[in-house]
Amino acid sequence: MKPILLLILTISCGMCFGQTDTNSAANPAYSEILVVNEYLFAINNKGQITIWDLKTLDKKFEMQDTIPKFSTV
C-alpha cells in the first residue's frame, strides 16, 4: 500500500511543478505612456495599446490582436 501511495504522490507533485506560468502576461512592461485629459494611453512591449479612464480607474480598451503593432503614442 505504501509504495503505491508514494508513487501517486510523486507523480502528482511532478505534474504540479511541470505547469507553465499562466500569469506571466498579467503585468506587461509598458514602453510608452501618454495622459490626455482623463485617459491614459499605454503601449506594452508587444506593441499593443491599452487605454484607462483615470477618473474611474477602469480599463476602457485593451488590444488583443497582435497584427498591428504600435511603437509610439
PDB file of N, CA and C in Angstrom:
ATOM      1  N   MET A   1       0.822  -1.204   0.000  1.00  0.00           N
ATOM      2  CA  MET A   1       0.000   0.000   0.000  1.00  0.00           C
ATOM      3  C   MET A   1       0.858   1.258   0.000  1.00  0.00           C
ATOM      4  N   LYS A   2       1.927   1.272   0.803  1.00  0.00           N
ATOM      5  CA  LYS A   2       2.770   2.463   0.895  1.00  0.00           C
ATOM      6  C   LYS A   2       3.504   2.767  -0.412  1.00  0.00           C
ATOM      7  N   PRO A   3       4.037   1.772  -1.142  1.00  0.00           N
ATOM      8  CA  PRO A   3       4.705   2.121  -2.411  1.00  0.00           C
ATOM      9  C   PRO A   3       3.753   2.750  -3.426  1.00  0.00           C
ATOM     10  N   ILE A   4       2.511   2.308  -3.472  1.00  0.00           N
ATOM     11  CA  ILE A   4       1.541   2.879  -4.415  1.00  0.00           C
ATOM     12  C   ILE A   4       1.213   4.318  -4.028  1.00  0.00           C
ATOM     13  N   LEU A   5       1.029   4.569  -2.734  1.00  0.00           N
ATOM     14  CA  LEU A   5       0.741   5.923  -2.262  1.00  0.00           C
ATOM     15  C   LEU A   5       1.922   6.852  -2.538  1.00  0.00           C
ATOM     16  N   LEU A   6       3.134   6.374  -2.330  1.00  0.00           N
ATOM     17  CA  LEU A   6       4.326   7.158  -2.603  1.00  0.00           C
ATOM     18  C   LEU A   6       4.454   7.468  -4.100  1.00  0.00           C
ATOM     19  N   LEU A   7       4.144   6.512  -4.942  1.00  0.00           N
ATOM     20  CA  LEU A   7       4.193   6.715  -6.385  1.00  0.00           C
ATOM     21  C   LEU A   7       3.161   7.753  -6.833  1.00  0.00           C
ATOM     22  N   ILE A   8       1.956   7.661  -6.330  1.00  0.00           N
ATOM     23  CA  ILE A   8       0.902   8.634  -6.687  1.00  0.00           C
ATOM     24  C   ILE A   8       1.287  10.030  -6.225  1.00  0.00           C
ATOM     25  N   LEU A   9       1.829  10.148  -5.021  1.00  0.00           N
ATOM     26  CA  LEU A   9       2.246  11.451  -4.505  1.00  0.00           C
ATOM     27  C   LEU A   9       3.384  12.029  -5.341  1.00  0.00           C
ATOM     28  N   THR A  10       4.334  11.214  -5.725  1.00  0.00           N
ATOM     29  CA  THR A  10       5.454  11.678  -6.538  1.00  0.00           C
ATOM     30  C   THR A  10       4.995  12.152  -7.911  1.00  0.00           C
ATOM     31  N   ILE A  11       4.116  11.395  -8.548  1.00  0.00           N
ATOM     32  CA  ILE A  11       3.616  11.772  -9.875  1.00  0.00           C
ATOM     33  C   ILE A  11       2.793  13.051  -9.801  1.00  0.00           C
ATOM     34  N   SER A  12       1.945  13.208  -8.788  1.00  0.00           N
ATOM     35  CA  SER A  12       1.107  14.405  -8.699  1.00  0.00           C
ATOM     36  C   SER A  12       1.952  15.640  -8.417  1.00  0.00           C
ATOM     37  N   CYS A  13       3.010  15.518  -7.624  1.00  0.00           N
ATOM     38  CA  CYS A  13       3.893  16.671  -7.375  1.00  0.00           C
ATOM     39  C   CYS A  13       4.643  17.045  -8.645  1.00  0.00           C
ATOM     40  N   GLY A  14       5.048  16.064  -9.417  1.00  0.00           N
ATOM     41  CA  GLY A  14       5.742  16.340 -10.670  1.00  0.00           C
ATOM     42  C   GLY A  14       4.856  17.054 -11.661  1.00  0.00           C
ATOM     43  N   MET A  15       3.574  16.739 -11.667  1.00  0.00           N
ATOM     44  CA  MET A  15       2.653  17.414 -12.579  1.00  0.00           C
ATOM     45  C   MET A  15       2.439  18.854 -12.148  1.00  0.00           C
ATOM     46  N   CYS A  16       2.421  19.129 -10.868  1.00  0.00           N
ATOM     47  CA  CYS A  16       2.226  20.498 -10.383  1.00  0.00           C
ATOM     48  C   CYS A  16       3.416  21.382 -10.740  1.00  0.00           C
ATOM     49  N   PHE A  17       4.624  20.866 -10.602  1.00  0.00           N
ATOM     50  CA  PHE A  17       5.799  21.660 -10.904  1.00  0.00           C
ATOM     51  C   PHE A  17       6.054  21.772 -12.404  1.00  0.00           C
ATOM     52  N   GLY A  18       5.424  20.935 -13.208  1.00  0.00           N
ATOM     53  CA  GLY A  18       5.631  20.958 -14.641  1.00  0.00           C
ATOM     54  C   GLY A  18       4.726  21.922 -15.372  1.00  0.00           C
ATOM     55  N   GLN A  19       3.815  22.585 -14.680  1.00  0.00           N
ATOM     56  CA  GLN A  19       2.896  23.506 -15.340  1.00  0.00           C
ATOM     57  C   GLN A  19       3.590  24.818 -15.662  1.00  0.00           C
ATOM     58  N   THR A  20       3.142  25.457 -16.730  1.00  0.00           N
ATOM     59  CA  THR A  20       3.707  26.747 -17.106  1.00  0.00           C
ATOM     60  C   THR A  20       3.043  27.859 -16.316  1.00  0.00           C
ATOM     61  N   ASP A  21       3.702  28.971 -16.233  1.00  0.00           N
ATOM     62  CA  ASP A  21       3.171  30.127 -15.532  1.00  0.00           C
ATOM     63  C   ASP A  21       2.202  30.854 -16.452  1.00  0.00           C
ATOM     64  N   THR A  22       0.915  30.816 -16.121  1.00  0.00           N
ATOM     65  CA  THR A  22      -0.089  31.458 -16.968  1.00  0.00           C
ATOM     66  C   THR A  22      -0.245  32.933 -16.645  1.00  0.00           C
ATOM     67  N   ASN A  23       0.330  33.416 -15.549  1.00  0.00           N
ATOM     68  CA  ASN A  23       0.190  34.818 -15.164  1.00  0.00           C
ATOM     69  C   ASN A  23       1.342  35.673 -15.659  1.00  0.00           C
ATOM     70  N   SER A  24       2.201  35.139 -16.507  1.00  0.00           N
ATOM     71  CA  SER A  24       3.357  35.911 -16.954  1.00  0.00           C
ATOM     72  C   SER A  24       2.949  37.115 -17.788  1.00  0.00           C
ATOM     73  N   ALA A  25       1.820  37.071 -18.479  1.00  0.00           N
ATOM     74  CA  ALA A  25       1.370  38.196 -19.288  1.00  0.00           C
ATOM     75  C   ALA A  25       0.462  39.144 -18.527  1.00  0.00           C
ATOM     76  N   ALA A  26       0.233  38.899 -17.269  1.00  0.00           N
ATOM     77  CA  ALA A  26      -0.662  39.732 -16.488  1.00  0.00           C
ATOM     78  C   ALA A  26      -0.106  41.112 -16.225  1.00  0.00           C
ATOM     79  N   ASN A  27       1.198  41.228 -16.131  1.00  0.00           N
ATOM     80  CA  ASN A  27       1.825  42.510 -15.873  1.00  0.00           C
ATOM     81  C   ASN A  27       2.847  42.831 -16.963  1.00  0.00           C
ATOM     82  N   PRO A  28       2.383  43.260 -18.124  1.00  0.00           N
ATOM     83  CA  PRO A  28       3.343  43.553 -19.197  1.00  0.00           C
ATOM     84  C   PRO A  28       4.105  44.840 -18.910  1.00  0.00           C
ATOM     85  N   ALA A  29       5.265  44.959 -19.490  1.00  0.00           N
ATOM     86  CA  ALA A  29       6.061  46.184 -19.370  1.00  0.00           C
ATOM     87  C   ALA A  29       5.573  47.185 -20.408  1.00  0.00           C
ATOM     88  N   TYR A  30       5.410  48.422 -19.999  1.00  0.00           N
ATOM     89  CA  TYR A  30       4.935  49.466 -20.902  1.00  0.00           C
ATOM     90  C   TYR A  30       6.110  50.339 -21.327  1.00  0.00           C
ATOM     91  N   SER A  31       6.215  50.573 -22.633  1.00  0.00           N
ATOM     92  CA  SER A  31       7.322  51.365 -23.162  1.00  0.00           C
ATOM     93  C   SER A  31       6.935  52.819 -23.407  1.00  0.00           C
ATOM     94  N   GLU A  32       5.681  53.097 -23.662  1.00  0.00           N
ATOM     95  CA  GLU A  32       5.201  54.454 -23.928  1.00  0.00           C
ATOM     96  C   GLU A  32       3.931  54.703 -23.122  1.00  0.00           C
ATOM     97  N   ILE A  33       3.849  55.869 -22.484  1.00  0.00           N
ATOM     98  CA  ILE A  33       2.654  56.245 -21.716  1.00  0.00           C
ATOM     99  C   ILE A  33       2.331  57.702 -22.025  1.00  0.00           C
ATOM    100  N   LEU A  34       1.036  57.975 -22.246  1.00  0.00           N
ATOM    101  CA  LEU A  34       0.585  59.332 -22.537  1.00  0.00           C
ATOM    102  C   LEU A  34      -0.727  59.571 -21.808  1.00  0.00           C
ATOM    103  N   VAL A  35      -0.861  60.729 -21.161  1.00  0.00           N
ATOM    104  CA  VAL A  35      -2.095  61.100 -20.480  1.00  0.00           C
ATOM    105  C   VAL A  35      -2.714  62.270 -21.229  1.00  0.00           C
ATOM    106  N   VAL A  36      -3.967  62.088 -21.659  1.00  0.00           N
ATOM    107  CA  VAL A  36      -4.717  63.130 -22.351  1.00  0.00           C
ATOM    108  C   VAL A  36      -6.058  63.261 -21.642  1.00  0.00           C
ATOM    109  N   ASN A  37      -6.297  64.452 -21.056  1.00  0.00           N
ATOM    110  CA  ASN A  37      -7.495  64.725 -20.273  1.00  0.00           C
ATOM    111  C   ASN A  37      -7.647  63.662 -19.188  1.00  0.00           C
ATOM    112  N   GLU A  38      -8.694  62.847 -19.230  1.00  0.00           N
ATOM    113  CA  GLU A  38      -8.897  61.842 -18.177  1.00  0.00           C
ATOM    114  C   GLU A  38      -8.529  60.431 -18.639  1.00  0.00           C
ATOM    115  N   TYR A  39      -7.822  60.302 -19.754  1.00  0.00           N
ATOM    116  CA  TYR A  39      -7.457  58.984 -20.281  1.00  0.00           C
ATOM    117  C   TYR A  39      -5.946  58.770 -20.267  1.00  0.00           C
ATOM    118  N   LEU A  40      -5.540  57.564 -19.963  1.00  0.00           N
ATOM    119  CA  LEU A  40      -4.142  57.172 -20.014  1.00  0.00           C
ATOM    120  C   LEU A  40      -3.982  56.149 -21.125  1.00  0.00           C
ATOM    121  N   PHE A  41      -3.104  56.432 -22.072  1.00  0.00           N
ATOM    122  CA  PHE A  41      -2.810  55.543 -23.190  1.00  0.00           C
ATOM    123  C   PHE A  41      -1.432  54.939 -22.937  1.00  0.00           C
ATOM    124  N   ALA A  42      -1.319  53.615 -23.059  1.00  0.00           N
ATOM    125  CA  ALA A  42      -0.029  52.957 -22.824  1.00  0.00           C
ATOM    126  C   ALA A  42       0.197  51.885 -23.882  1.00  0.00           C
ATOM    127  N   ILE A  43       1.454  51.757 -24.298  1.00  0.00           N
ATOM    128  CA  ILE A  43       1.853  50.725 -25.261  1.00  0.00           C
ATOM    129  C   ILE A  43       2.782  49.766 -24.527  1.00  0.00           C
ATOM    130  N   ASN A  44       2.460  48.477 -24.579  1.00  0.00           N
ATOM    131  CA  ASN A  44       3.295  47.497 -23.892  1.00  0.00           C
ATOM    132  C   ASN A  44       4.448  47.049 -24.782  1.00  0.00           C
ATOM    133  N   ASN A  45       5.268  46.153 -24.271  1.00  0.00           N
ATOM    134  CA  ASN A  45       6.454  45.715 -25.000  1.00  0.00           C
ATOM    135  C   ASN A  45       6.132  44.850 -26.212  1.00  0.00           C
ATOM    136  N   LYS A  46       4.870  44.466 -26.400  1.00  0.00           N
ATOM    137  CA  LYS A  46       4.459  43.711 -27.587  1.00  0.00           C
ATOM    138  C   LYS A  46       3.851  44.617 -28.659  1.00  0.00           C
ATOM    139  N   GLY A  47       3.769  45.927 -28.389  1.00  0.00           N
ATOM    140  CA  GLY A  47       3.208  46.863 -29.352  1.00  0.00           C
ATOM    141  C   GLY A  47       1.694  46.976 -29.278  1.00  0.00           C
ATOM    142  N   GLN A  48       1.089  46.501 -28.202  1.00  0.00           N
ATOM    143  CA  GLN A  48      -0.363  46.571 -28.028  1.00  0.00           C
ATOM    144  C   GLN A  48      -0.707  47.786 -27.166  1.00  0.00           C
ATOM    145  N   ILE A  49      -1.821  48.428 -27.500  1.00  0.00           N
ATOM    146  CA  ILE A  49      -2.230  49.633 -26.773  1.00  0.00           C
ATOM    147  C   ILE A  49      -3.320  49.292 -25.758  1.00  0.00           C
ATOM    148  N   THR A  50      -3.261  49.969 -24.619  1.00  0.00           N
ATOM    149  CA  THR A  50      -4.266  49.843 -23.569  1.00  0.00           C
ATOM    150  C   THR A  50      -4.665  51.248 -23.151  1.00  0.00           C
ATOM    151  N   ILE A  51      -5.980  51.443 -22.905  1.00  0.00           N
ATOM    152  CA  ILE A  51      -6.488  52.762 -22.510  1.00  0.00           C
ATOM    153  C   ILE A  51      -7.238  52.623 -21.193  1.00  0.00           C
ATOM    154  N   TRP A  52      -6.897  53.493 -20.218  1.00  0.00           N
ATOM    155  CA  TRP A  52      -7.587  53.524 -18.929  1.00  0.00           C
ATOM    156  C   TRP A  52      -8.283  54.869 -18.755  1.00  0.00           C
ATOM    157  N   ASP A  53      -9.408  54.853 -18.045  1.00  0.00           N
ATOM    158  CA  ASP A  53     -10.085  56.076 -17.623  1.00  0.00           C
ATOM    159  C   ASP A  53      -9.552  56.401 -16.234  1.00  0.00           C
ATOM    160  N   LEU A  54      -8.888  57.542 -16.069  1.00  0.00           N
ATOM    161  CA  LEU A  54      -8.253  57.877 -14.802  1.00  0.00           C
ATOM    162  C   LEU A  54      -9.243  58.304 -13.734  1.00  0.00           C
ATOM    163  N   LYS A  55     -10.438  58.711 -14.119  1.00  0.00           N
ATOM    164  CA  LYS A  55     -11.441  59.091 -13.112  1.00  0.00           C
ATOM    165  C   LYS A  55     -12.035  57.863 -12.432  1.00  0.00           C
ATOM    166  N   THR A  56     -12.306  56.837 -13.210  1.00  0.00           N
ATOM    167  CA  THR A  56     -12.916  55.626 -12.640  1.00  0.00           C
ATOM    168  C   THR A  56     -11.907  54.494 -12.451  1.00  0.00           C
ATOM    169  N   LEU A  57     -10.698  54.655 -13.003  1.00  0.00           N
ATOM    170  CA  LEU A  57      -9.641  53.640 -12.964  1.00  0.00           C
ATOM    171  C   LEU A  57     -10.065  52.332 -13.636  1.00  0.00           C
ATOM    172  N   ASP A  58     -10.959  52.448 -14.615  1.00  0.00           N
ATOM    173  CA  ASP A  58     -11.401  51.287 -15.392  1.00  0.00           C
ATOM    174  C   ASP A  58     -10.612  51.212 -16.691  1.00  0.00           C
ATOM    175  N   LYS A  59     -10.404  49.995 -17.139  1.00  0.00           N
ATOM    176  CA  LYS A  59      -9.755  49.786 -18.429  1.00  0.00           C
ATOM    177  C   LYS A  59     -10.820  49.961 -19.499  1.00  0.00           C
ATOM    178  N   LYS A  60     -10.643  50.928 -20.392  1.00  0.00           N
ATOM    179  CA  LYS A  60     -11.618  51.205 -21.432  1.00  0.00           C
ATOM    180  C   LYS A  60     -11.364  50.394 -22.698  1.00  0.00           C
ATOM    181  N   PHE A  61     -10.101  50.091 -22.970  1.00  0.00           N
ATOM    182  CA  PHE A  61      -9.763  49.342 -24.176  1.00  0.00           C
ATOM    183  C   PHE A  61      -8.458  48.613 -23.937  1.00  0.00           C
ATOM    184  N   GLU A  62      -8.420  47.366 -24.363  1.00  0.00           N
ATOM    185  CA  GLU A  62      -7.178  46.605 -24.312  1.00  0.00           C
ATOM    186  C   GLU A  62      -7.063  45.831 -25.610  1.00  0.00           C
ATOM    187  N   MET A  63      -6.032  46.104 -26.344  1.00  0.00           N
ATOM    188  CA  MET A  63      -5.828  45.485 -27.639  1.00  0.00           C
ATOM    189  C   MET A  63      -5.453  44.019 -27.470  1.00  0.00           C
ATOM    190  N   GLN A  64      -6.198  43.133 -28.105  1.00  0.00           N
ATOM    191  CA  GLN A  64      -5.931  41.711 -28.029  1.00  0.00           C
ATOM    192  C   GLN A  64      -5.248  41.203 -29.292  1.00  0.00           C
ATOM    193  N   ASP A  65      -5.482  41.868 -30.405  1.00  0.00           N
ATOM    194  CA  ASP A  65      -4.907  41.446 -31.684  1.00  0.00           C
ATOM    195  C   ASP A  65      -3.448  41.883 -31.747  1.00  0.00           C
ATOM    196  N   THR A  66      -2.589  41.024 -32.228  1.00  0.00           N
ATOM    197  CA  THR A  66      -1.168  41.352 -32.281  1.00  0.00           C
ATOM    198  C   THR A  66      -0.684  41.678 -33.693  1.00  0.00           C
ATOM    199  N   ILE A  67      -1.608  41.754 -34.664  1.00  0.00           N
ATOM    200  CA  ILE A  67      -1.172  42.048 -36.030  1.00  0.00           C
ATOM    201  C   ILE A  67      -0.701  43.492 -36.156  1.00  0.00           C
ATOM    202  N   PRO A  68      -1.525  44.518 -35.808  1.00  0.00           N
ATOM    203  CA  PRO A  68      -0.963  45.874 -35.829  1.00  0.00           C
ATOM    204  C   PRO A  68      -0.155  46.107 -34.556  1.00  0.00           C
ATOM    205  N   LYS A  69       1.055  46.641 -34.711  1.00  0.00           N
ATOM    206  CA  LYS A  69       1.901  46.908 -33.550  1.00  0.00           C
ATOM    207  C   LYS A  69       2.257  48.391 -33.520  1.00  0.00           C
ATOM    208  N   PHE A  70       2.046  49.003 -32.365  1.00  0.00           N
ATOM    209  CA  PHE A  70       2.338  50.413 -32.202  1.00  0.00           C
ATOM    210  C   PHE A  70       3.726  50.572 -31.582  1.00  0.00           C
ATOM    211  N   SER A  71       4.416  51.625 -31.962  1.00  0.00           N
ATOM    212  CA  SER A  71       5.722  51.886 -31.379  1.00  0.00           C
ATOM    213  C   SER A  71       5.733  53.185 -30.566  1.00  0.00           C
ATOM    214  N   THR A  72       4.746  54.049 -30.814  1.00  0.00           N
ATOM    215  CA  THR A  72       4.660  55.307 -30.059  1.00  0.00           C
ATOM    216  C   THR A  72       3.206  55.759 -29.996  1.00  0.00           C
ATOM    217  N   VAL A  73       2.925  56.601 -29.004  1.00  0.00           N
ATOM    218  CA  VAL A  73       1.565  57.113 -28.828  1.00  0.00           C
ATOM    219  C   VAL A  73       1.500  58.489 -29.437  1.00  0.00           C
TER     220      VAL A  73
END
